[in-house]
Amino acid sequence: MNIFDSLGKILLFLGLILSLLGGVLLLLTKIPWIGKLPGDIFFKGDKVAFYFPITTCIIISILLTIIFSLFRR
């Protein structure tokens, strides 16, 4: 097998993954409650704004854990 064959397959796979990730990110902006859950930290001062979506991160982490555990079986 030629090295360019395997490199081509890897590049196609990475391109597919990036396309799917981009599509998911575009769809996430359509969900109104993402990033605005109770527990998400938002502070806005005069010249600075700080935002940390801790509750959103926890929920996404739980969902990804469930999805990946289903694929592992």
PDB file of N, CA and C in Angstrom:
ATOM      1  N   MET A   1       0.845  -1.172   0.000  1.00  0.00           N
ATOM      2  CA  MET A   1       0.000   0.000   0.000  1.00  0.00           C
ATOM      3  C   MET A   1       0.892   1.237   0.000  1.00  0.00           C
ATOM      4  N   ASN A   2       0.559   2.150  -0.818  1.00  0.00           N
ATOM      5  CA  ASN A   2       1.318   3.379  -0.967  1.00  0.00           C
ATOM      6  C   ASN A   2       1.026   4.317   0.207  1.00  0.00           C
ATOM      7  N   ILE A   3       2.021   5.089   0.600  1.00  0.00           N
ATOM      8  CA  ILE A   3       1.852   6.014   1.722  1.00  0.00           C
ATOM      9  C   ILE A   3       0.823   7.092   1.393  1.00  0.00           C
ATOM     10  N   PHE A   4       0.694   7.441   0.117  1.00  0.00           N
ATOM     11  CA  PHE A   4      -0.269   8.467  -0.263  1.00  0.00           C
ATOM     12  C   PHE A   4      -1.709   7.958  -0.162  1.00  0.00           C
ATOM     13  N   ASP A   5      -1.904   6.647  -0.320  1.00  0.00           N
ATOM     14  CA  ASP A   5      -3.253   6.095  -0.148  1.00  0.00           C
ATOM     15  C   ASP A   5      -3.730   6.264   1.289  1.00  0.00           C
ATOM     16  N   SER A   6      -2.885   5.914   2.241  1.00  0.00           N
ATOM     17  CA  SER A   6      -3.291   6.035   3.640  1.00  0.00           C
ATOM     18  C   SER A   6      -3.412   7.502   4.048  1.00  0.00           C
ATOM     19  N   LEU A   7      -2.535   8.339   3.543  1.00  0.00           N
ATOM     20  CA  LEU A   7      -2.622   9.769   3.850  1.00  0.00           C
ATOM     21  C   LEU A   7      -3.907  10.367   3.282  1.00  0.00           C
ATOM     22  N   GLY A   8      -4.282   9.951   2.087  1.00  0.00           N
ATOM     23  CA  GLY A   8      -5.522  10.430   1.478  1.00  0.00           C
ATOM     24  C   GLY A   8      -6.741  10.017   2.280  1.00  0.00           C
ATOM     25  N   LYS A   9      -6.747   8.777   2.766  1.00  0.00           N
ATOM     26  CA  LYS A   9      -7.870   8.303   3.578  1.00  0.00           C
ATOM     27  C   LYS A   9      -7.961   9.075   4.894  1.00  0.00           C
ATOM     28  N   ILE A  10      -6.826   9.355   5.502  1.00  0.00           N
ATOM     29  CA  ILE A  10      -6.817  10.107   6.759  1.00  0.00           C
ATOM     30  C   ILE A  10      -7.336  11.523   6.534  1.00  0.00           C
ATOM     31  N   LEU A  11      -6.913  12.162   5.452  1.00  0.00           N
ATOM     32  CA  LEU A  11      -7.367  13.526   5.167  1.00  0.00           C
ATOM     33  C   LEU A  11      -8.862  13.569   4.868  1.00  0.00           C
ATOM     34  N   LEU A  12      -9.375  12.569   4.144  1.00  0.00           N
ATOM     35  CA  LEU A  12     -10.810  12.505   3.891  1.00  0.00           C
ATOM     36  C   LEU A  12     -11.593  12.308   5.184  1.00  0.00           C
ATOM     37  N   PHE A  13     -11.098  11.455   6.063  1.00  0.00           N
ATOM     38  CA  PHE A  13     -11.754  11.204   7.338  1.00  0.00           C
ATOM     39  C   PHE A  13     -11.760  12.466   8.198  1.00  0.00           C
ATOM     40  N   LEU A  14     -10.629  13.168   8.269  1.00  0.00           N
ATOM     41  CA  LEU A  14     -10.566  14.398   9.048  1.00  0.00           C
ATOM     42  C   LEU A  14     -11.479  15.479   8.473  1.00  0.00           C
ATOM     43  N   GLY A  15     -11.569  15.548   7.145  1.00  0.00           N
ATOM     44  CA  GLY A  15     -12.467  16.504   6.505  1.00  0.00           C
ATOM     45  C   GLY A  15     -13.924  16.213   6.830  1.00  0.00           C
ATOM     46  N   LEU A  16     -14.277  14.933   6.848  1.00  0.00           N
ATOM     47  CA  LEU A  16     -15.642  14.550   7.189  1.00  0.00           C
ATOM     48  C   LEU A  16     -15.961  14.906   8.637  1.00  0.00           C
ATOM     49  N   ILE A  17     -15.026  14.624   9.532  1.00  0.00           N
ATOM     50  CA  ILE A  17     -15.224  14.954  10.945  1.00  0.00           C
ATOM     51  C   ILE A  17     -15.373  16.460  11.131  1.00  0.00           C
ATOM     52  N   LEU A  18     -14.542  17.257  10.462  1.00  0.00           N
ATOM     53  CA  LEU A  18     -14.636  18.714  10.582  1.00  0.00           C
ATOM     54  C   LEU A  18     -15.948  19.237  10.012  1.00  0.00           C
ATOM     55  N   SER A  19     -16.419  18.643   8.932  1.00  0.00           N
ATOM     56  CA  SER A  19     -17.706  19.052   8.358  1.00  0.00           C
ATOM     57  C   SER A  19     -18.852  18.754   9.310  1.00  0.00           C
ATOM     58  N   LEU A  20     -18.836  17.579   9.909  1.00  0.00           N
ATOM     59  CA  LEU A  20     -19.881  17.224  10.864  1.00  0.00           C
ATOM     60  C   LEU A  20     -19.838  18.129  12.085  1.00  0.00           C
ATOM     61  N   LEU A  21     -18.644  18.426  12.574  1.00  0.00           N
ATOM     62  CA  LEU A  21     -18.502  19.309  13.726  1.00  0.00           C
ATOM     63  C   LEU A  21     -19.006  20.717  13.400  1.00  0.00           C
ATOM     64  N   GLY A  22     -18.715  21.206  12.211  1.00  0.00           N
ATOM     65  CA  GLY A  22     -19.213  22.514  11.795  1.00  0.00           C
ATOM     66  C   GLY A  22     -20.727  22.548  11.715  1.00  0.00           C
ATOM     67  N   GLY A  23     -21.325  21.474  11.202  1.00  0.00           N
ATOM     68  CA  GLY A  23     -22.782  21.387  11.145  1.00  0.00           C
ATOM     69  C   GLY A  23     -23.405  21.374  12.523  1.00  0.00           C
ATOM     70  N   VAL A  24     -22.795  20.650  13.446  1.00  0.00           N
ATOM     71  CA  VAL A  24     -23.304  20.617  14.820  1.00  0.00           C
ATOM     72  C   VAL A  24     -23.211  21.998  15.453  1.00  0.00           C
ATOM     73  N   LEU A  25     -22.118  22.688  15.239  1.00  0.00           N
ATOM     74  CA  LEU A  25     -21.970  24.036  15.806  1.00  0.00           C
ATOM     75  C   LEU A  25     -22.991  25.007  15.227  1.00  0.00           C
ATOM     76  N   LEU A  26     -23.315  24.859  13.941  1.00  0.00           N
ATOM     77  CA  LEU A  26     -24.342  25.712  13.355  1.00  0.00           C
ATOM     78  C   LEU A  26     -25.716  25.407  13.935  1.00  0.00           C
ATOM     79  N   LEU A  27     -25.991  24.134  14.217  1.00  0.00           N
ATOM     80  CA  LEU A  27     -27.279  23.763  14.789  1.00  0.00           C
ATOM     81  C   LEU A  27     -27.398  24.184  16.251  1.00  0.00           C
ATOM     82  N   LEU A  28     -26.285  24.227  16.969  1.00  0.00           N
ATOM     83  CA  LEU A  28     -26.326  24.613  18.379  1.00  0.00           C
ATOM     84  C   LEU A  28     -26.761  26.055  18.574  1.00  0.00           C
ATOM     85  N   THR A  29     -26.514  26.899  17.587  1.00  0.00           N
ATOM     86  CA  THR A  29     -26.938  28.294  17.718  1.00  0.00           C
ATOM     87  C   THR A  29     -28.454  28.427  17.598  1.00  0.00           C
ATOM     88  N   LYS A  30     -29.122  27.406  17.065  1.00  0.00           N
ATOM     89  CA  LYS A  30     -30.577  27.447  16.918  1.00  0.00           C
ATOM     90  C   LYS A  30     -31.294  27.045  18.208  1.00  0.00           C
ATOM     91  N   ILE A  31     -30.589  26.431  19.145  1.00  0.00           N
ATOM     92  CA  ILE A  31     -31.191  26.008  20.408  1.00  0.00           C
ATOM     93  C   ILE A  31     -31.120  27.191  21.371  1.00  0.00           C
ATOM     94  N   PRO A  32     -32.280  27.722  21.811  1.00  0.00           N
ATOM     95  CA  PRO A  32     -32.257  28.971  22.581  1.00  0.00           C
ATOM     96  C   PRO A  32     -31.705  28.841  23.996  1.00  0.00           C
ATOM     97  N   TRP A  33     -31.760  27.682  24.611  1.00  0.00           N
ATOM     98  CA  TRP A  33     -31.345  27.567  26.009  1.00  0.00           C
ATOM     99  C   TRP A  33     -29.872  27.217  26.178  1.00  0.00           C
ATOM    100  N   ILE A  34     -29.164  26.921  25.093  1.00  0.00           N
ATOM    101  CA  ILE A  34     -27.737  26.604  25.204  1.00  0.00           C
ATOM    102  C   ILE A  34     -26.993  27.855  25.657  1.00  0.00           C
ATOM    103  N   GLY A  35     -26.298  27.756  26.777  1.00  0.00           N
ATOM    104  CA  GLY A  35     -25.516  28.866  27.299  1.00  0.00           C
ATOM    105  C   GLY A  35     -26.283  29.824  28.180  1.00  0.00           C
ATOM    106  N   LYS A  36     -27.564  29.572  28.389  1.00  0.00           N
ATOM    107  CA  LYS A  36     -28.370  30.479  29.216  1.00  0.00           C
ATOM    108  C   LYS A  36     -29.080  29.714  30.323  1.00  0.00           C
ATOM    109  N   LEU A  37     -28.484  28.648  30.792  1.00  0.00           N
ATOM    110  CA  LEU A  37     -29.084  27.838  31.845  1.00  0.00           C
ATOM    111  C   LEU A  37     -28.787  28.430  33.217  1.00  0.00           C
ATOM    112  N   PRO A  38     -29.630  28.117  34.203  1.00  0.00           N
ATOM    113  CA  PRO A  38     -29.307  28.533  35.570  1.00  0.00           C
ATOM    114  C   PRO A  38     -28.009  27.852  36.012  1.00  0.00           C
ATOM    115  N   GLY A  39     -27.118  28.598  36.569  1.00  0.00           N
ATOM    116  CA  GLY A  39     -25.825  28.062  36.970  1.00  0.00           C
ATOM    117  C   GLY A  39     -24.699  28.502  36.048  1.00  0.00           C
ATOM    118  N   ASP A  40     -25.038  28.994  34.869  1.00  0.00           N
ATOM    119  CA  ASP A  40     -24.021  29.560  33.986  1.00  0.00           C
ATOM    120  C   ASP A  40     -23.593  30.905  34.554  1.00  0.00           C
ATOM    121  N   ILE A  41     -22.305  31.122  34.634  1.00  0.00           N
ATOM    122  CA  ILE A  41     -21.767  32.315  35.274  1.00  0.00           C
ATOM    123  C   ILE A  41     -21.551  33.409  34.229  1.00  0.00           C
ATOM    124  N   PHE A  42     -22.121  34.569  34.475  1.00  0.00           N
ATOM    125  CA  PHE A  42     -21.950  35.711  33.590  1.00  0.00           C
ATOM    126  C   PHE A  42     -21.762  36.959  34.435  1.00  0.00           C
ATOM    127  N   PHE A  43     -20.661  37.652  34.195  1.00  0.00           N
ATOM    128  CA  PHE A  43     -20.361  38.891  34.902  1.00  0.00           C
ATOM    129  C   PHE A  43     -20.003  39.948  33.869  1.00  0.00           C
ATOM    130  N   LYS A  44     -20.647  41.088  33.958  1.00  0.00           N
ATOM    131  CA  LYS A  44     -20.341  42.177  33.039  1.00  0.00           C
ATOM    132  C   LYS A  44     -20.008  43.413  33.845  1.00  0.00           C
ATOM    133  N   GLY A  45     -18.786  43.866  33.690  1.00  0.00           N
ATOM    134  CA  GLY A  45     -18.341  45.088  34.347  1.00  0.00           C
ATOM    135  C   GLY A  45     -18.353  46.252  33.368  1.00  0.00           C
ATOM    136  N   ASP A  46     -17.640  47.302  33.727  1.00  0.00           N
ATOM    137  CA  ASP A  46     -17.583  48.470  32.859  1.00  0.00           C
ATOM    138  C   ASP A  46     -16.814  48.198  31.575  1.00  0.00           C
ATOM    139  N   LYS A  47     -15.651  47.555  31.727  1.00  0.00           N
ATOM    140  CA  LYS A  47     -14.802  47.337  30.556  1.00  0.00           C
ATOM    141  C   LYS A  47     -14.532  45.860  30.275  1.00  0.00           C
ATOM    142  N   VAL A  48     -15.127  44.990  31.049  1.00  0.00           N
ATOM    143  CA  VAL A  48     -14.828  43.575  30.877  1.00  0.00           C
ATOM    144  C   VAL A  48     -16.109  42.764  31.050  1.00  0.00           C
ATOM    145  N   ALA A  49     -16.173  41.665  30.336  1.00  0.00           N
ATOM    146  CA  ALA A  49     -17.286  40.721  30.495  1.00  0.00           C
ATOM    147  C   ALA A  49     -16.686  39.336  30.645  1.00  0.00           C
ATOM    148  N   PHE A  50     -17.216  38.552  31.580  1.00  0.00           N
ATOM    149  CA  PHE A  50     -16.743  37.189  31.823  1.00  0.00           C
ATOM    150  C   PHE A  50     -17.942  36.257  31.749  1.00  0.00           C
ATOM    151  N   TYR A  51     -17.800  35.191  30.975  1.00  0.00           N
ATOM    152  CA  TYR A  51     -18.881  34.233  30.796  1.00  0.00           C
ATOM    153  C   TYR A  51     -18.308  32.828  30.889  1.00  0.00           C
ATOM    154  N   PHE A  52     -18.871  32.012  31.770  1.00  0.00           N
ATOM    155  CA  PHE A  52     -18.458  30.618  31.893  1.00  0.00           C
ATOM    156  C   PHE A  52     -19.705  29.749  32.018  1.00  0.00           C
ATOM    157  N   PRO A  53     -20.050  28.996  30.957  1.00  0.00           N
ATOM    158  CA  PRO A  53     -21.278  28.190  30.966  1.00  0.00           C
ATOM    159  C   PRO A  53     -21.075  26.840  31.662  1.00  0.00           C
ATOM    160  N   ILE A  54     -20.933  26.847  32.974  1.00  0.00           N
ATOM    161  CA  ILE A  54     -20.604  25.622  33.699  1.00  0.00           C
ATOM    162  C   ILE A  54     -21.745  24.596  33.631  1.00  0.00           C
ATOM    163  N   THR A  55     -22.987  25.017  33.768  1.00  0.00           N
ATOM    164  CA  THR A  55     -24.107  24.081  33.712  1.00  0.00           C
ATOM    165  C   THR A  55     -24.243  23.494  32.311  1.00  0.00           C
ATOM    166  N   THR A  56     -24.087  24.320  31.299  1.00  0.00           N
ATOM    167  CA  THR A  56     -24.145  23.836  29.927  1.00  0.00           C
ATOM    168  C   THR A  56     -23.033  22.826  29.667  1.00  0.00           C
ATOM    169  N   CYS A  57     -21.833  23.082  30.174  1.00  0.00           N
ATOM    170  CA  CYS A  57     -20.711  22.144  30.007  1.00  0.00           C
ATOM    171  C   CYS A  57     -21.000  20.803  30.676  1.00  0.00           C
ATOM    172  N   ILE A  58     -21.598  20.841  31.848  1.00  0.00           N
ATOM    173  CA  ILE A  58     -21.910  19.602  32.565  1.00  0.00           C
ATOM    174  C   ILE A  58     -22.951  18.795  31.804  1.00  0.00           C
ATOM    175  N   ILE A  59     -23.984  19.442  31.303  1.00  0.00           N
ATOM    176  CA  ILE A  59     -25.025  18.726  30.560  1.00  0.00           C
ATOM    177  C   ILE A  59     -24.476  18.144  29.267  1.00  0.00           C
ATOM    178  N   ILE A  60     -23.668  18.889  28.535  1.00  0.00           N
ATOM    179  CA  ILE A  60     -23.065  18.382  27.303  1.00  0.00           C
ATOM    180  C   ILE A  60     -22.132  17.216  27.616  1.00  0.00           C
ATOM    181  N   SER A  61     -21.392  17.295  28.709  1.00  0.00           N
ATOM    182  CA  SER A  61     -20.507  16.210  29.112  1.00  0.00           C
ATOM    183  C   SER A  61     -21.292  14.938  29.429  1.00  0.00           C
ATOM    184  N   ILE A  62     -22.407  15.082  30.130  1.00  0.00           N
ATOM    185  CA  ILE A  62     -23.237  13.909  30.445  1.00  0.00           C
ATOM    186  C   ILE A  62     -23.810  13.293  29.172  1.00  0.00           C
ATOM    187  N   LEU A  63     -24.301  14.127  28.255  1.00  0.00           N
ATOM    188  CA  LEU A  63     -24.846  13.612  27.004  1.00  0.00           C
ATOM    189  C   LEU A  63     -23.788  12.894  26.171  1.00  0.00           C
ATOM    190  N   LEU A  64     -22.590  13.478  26.070  1.00  0.00           N
ATOM    191  CA  LEU A  64     -21.521  12.832  25.312  1.00  0.00           C
ATOM    192  C   LEU A  64     -21.074  11.531  25.970  1.00  0.00           C
ATOM    193  N   THR A  65     -21.056  11.478  27.292  1.00  0.00           N
ATOM    194  CA  THR A  65     -20.707  10.249  27.995  1.00  0.00           C
ATOM    195  C   THR A  65     -21.707   9.145  27.683  1.00  0.00           C
ATOM    196  N   ILE A  66     -22.978   9.482  27.677  1.00  0.00           N
ATOM    197  CA  ILE A  66     -24.013   8.486  27.355  1.00  0.00           C
ATOM    198  C   ILE A  66     -23.877   8.021  25.912  1.00  0.00           C
ATOM    199  N   ILE A  67     -23.678   8.940  24.987  1.00  0.00           N
ATOM    200  CA  ILE A  67     -23.547   8.578  23.576  1.00  0.00           C
ATOM    201  C   ILE A  67     -22.334   7.691  23.347  1.00  0.00           C
ATOM    202  N   PHE A  68     -21.183   8.065  23.898  1.00  0.00           N
ATOM    203  CA  PHE A  68     -19.981   7.271  23.687  1.00  0.00           C
ATOM    204  C   PHE A  68     -20.051   5.916  24.366  1.00  0.00           C
ATOM    205  N   SER A  69     -20.742   5.820  25.510  1.00  0.00           N
ATOM    206  CA  SER A  69     -20.883   4.521  26.161  1.00  0.00           C
ATOM    207  C   SER A  69     -21.786   3.599  25.353  1.00  0.00           C
ATOM    208  N   LEU A  70     -22.761   4.157  24.629  1.00  0.00           N
ATOM    209  CA  LEU A  70     -23.601   3.327  23.769  1.00  0.00           C
ATOM    210  C   LEU A  70     -22.822   2.790  22.576  1.00  0.00           C
ATOM    211  N   PHE A  71     -21.919   3.589  22.013  1.00  0.00           N
ATOM    212  CA  PHE A  71     -21.110   3.144  20.894  1.00  0.00           C
ATOM    213  C   PHE A  71     -20.025   2.138  21.302  1.00  0.00           C
ATOM    214  N   ARG A  72     -19.606   2.200  22.533  1.00  0.00           N
ATOM    215  CA  ARG A  72     -18.540   1.308  23.007  1.00  0.00           C
ATOM    216  C   ARG A  72     -19.042  -0.125  23.167  1.00  0.00           C
ATOM    217  N   ARG A  73     -20.320  -0.298  23.434  1.00  0.00           N
ATOM    218  CA  ARG A  73     -20.871  -1.643  23.652  1.00  0.00           C
ATOM    219  C   ARG A  73     -21.070  -2.387  22.420  1.00  0.00           C
TER     220      ARG A  73
END
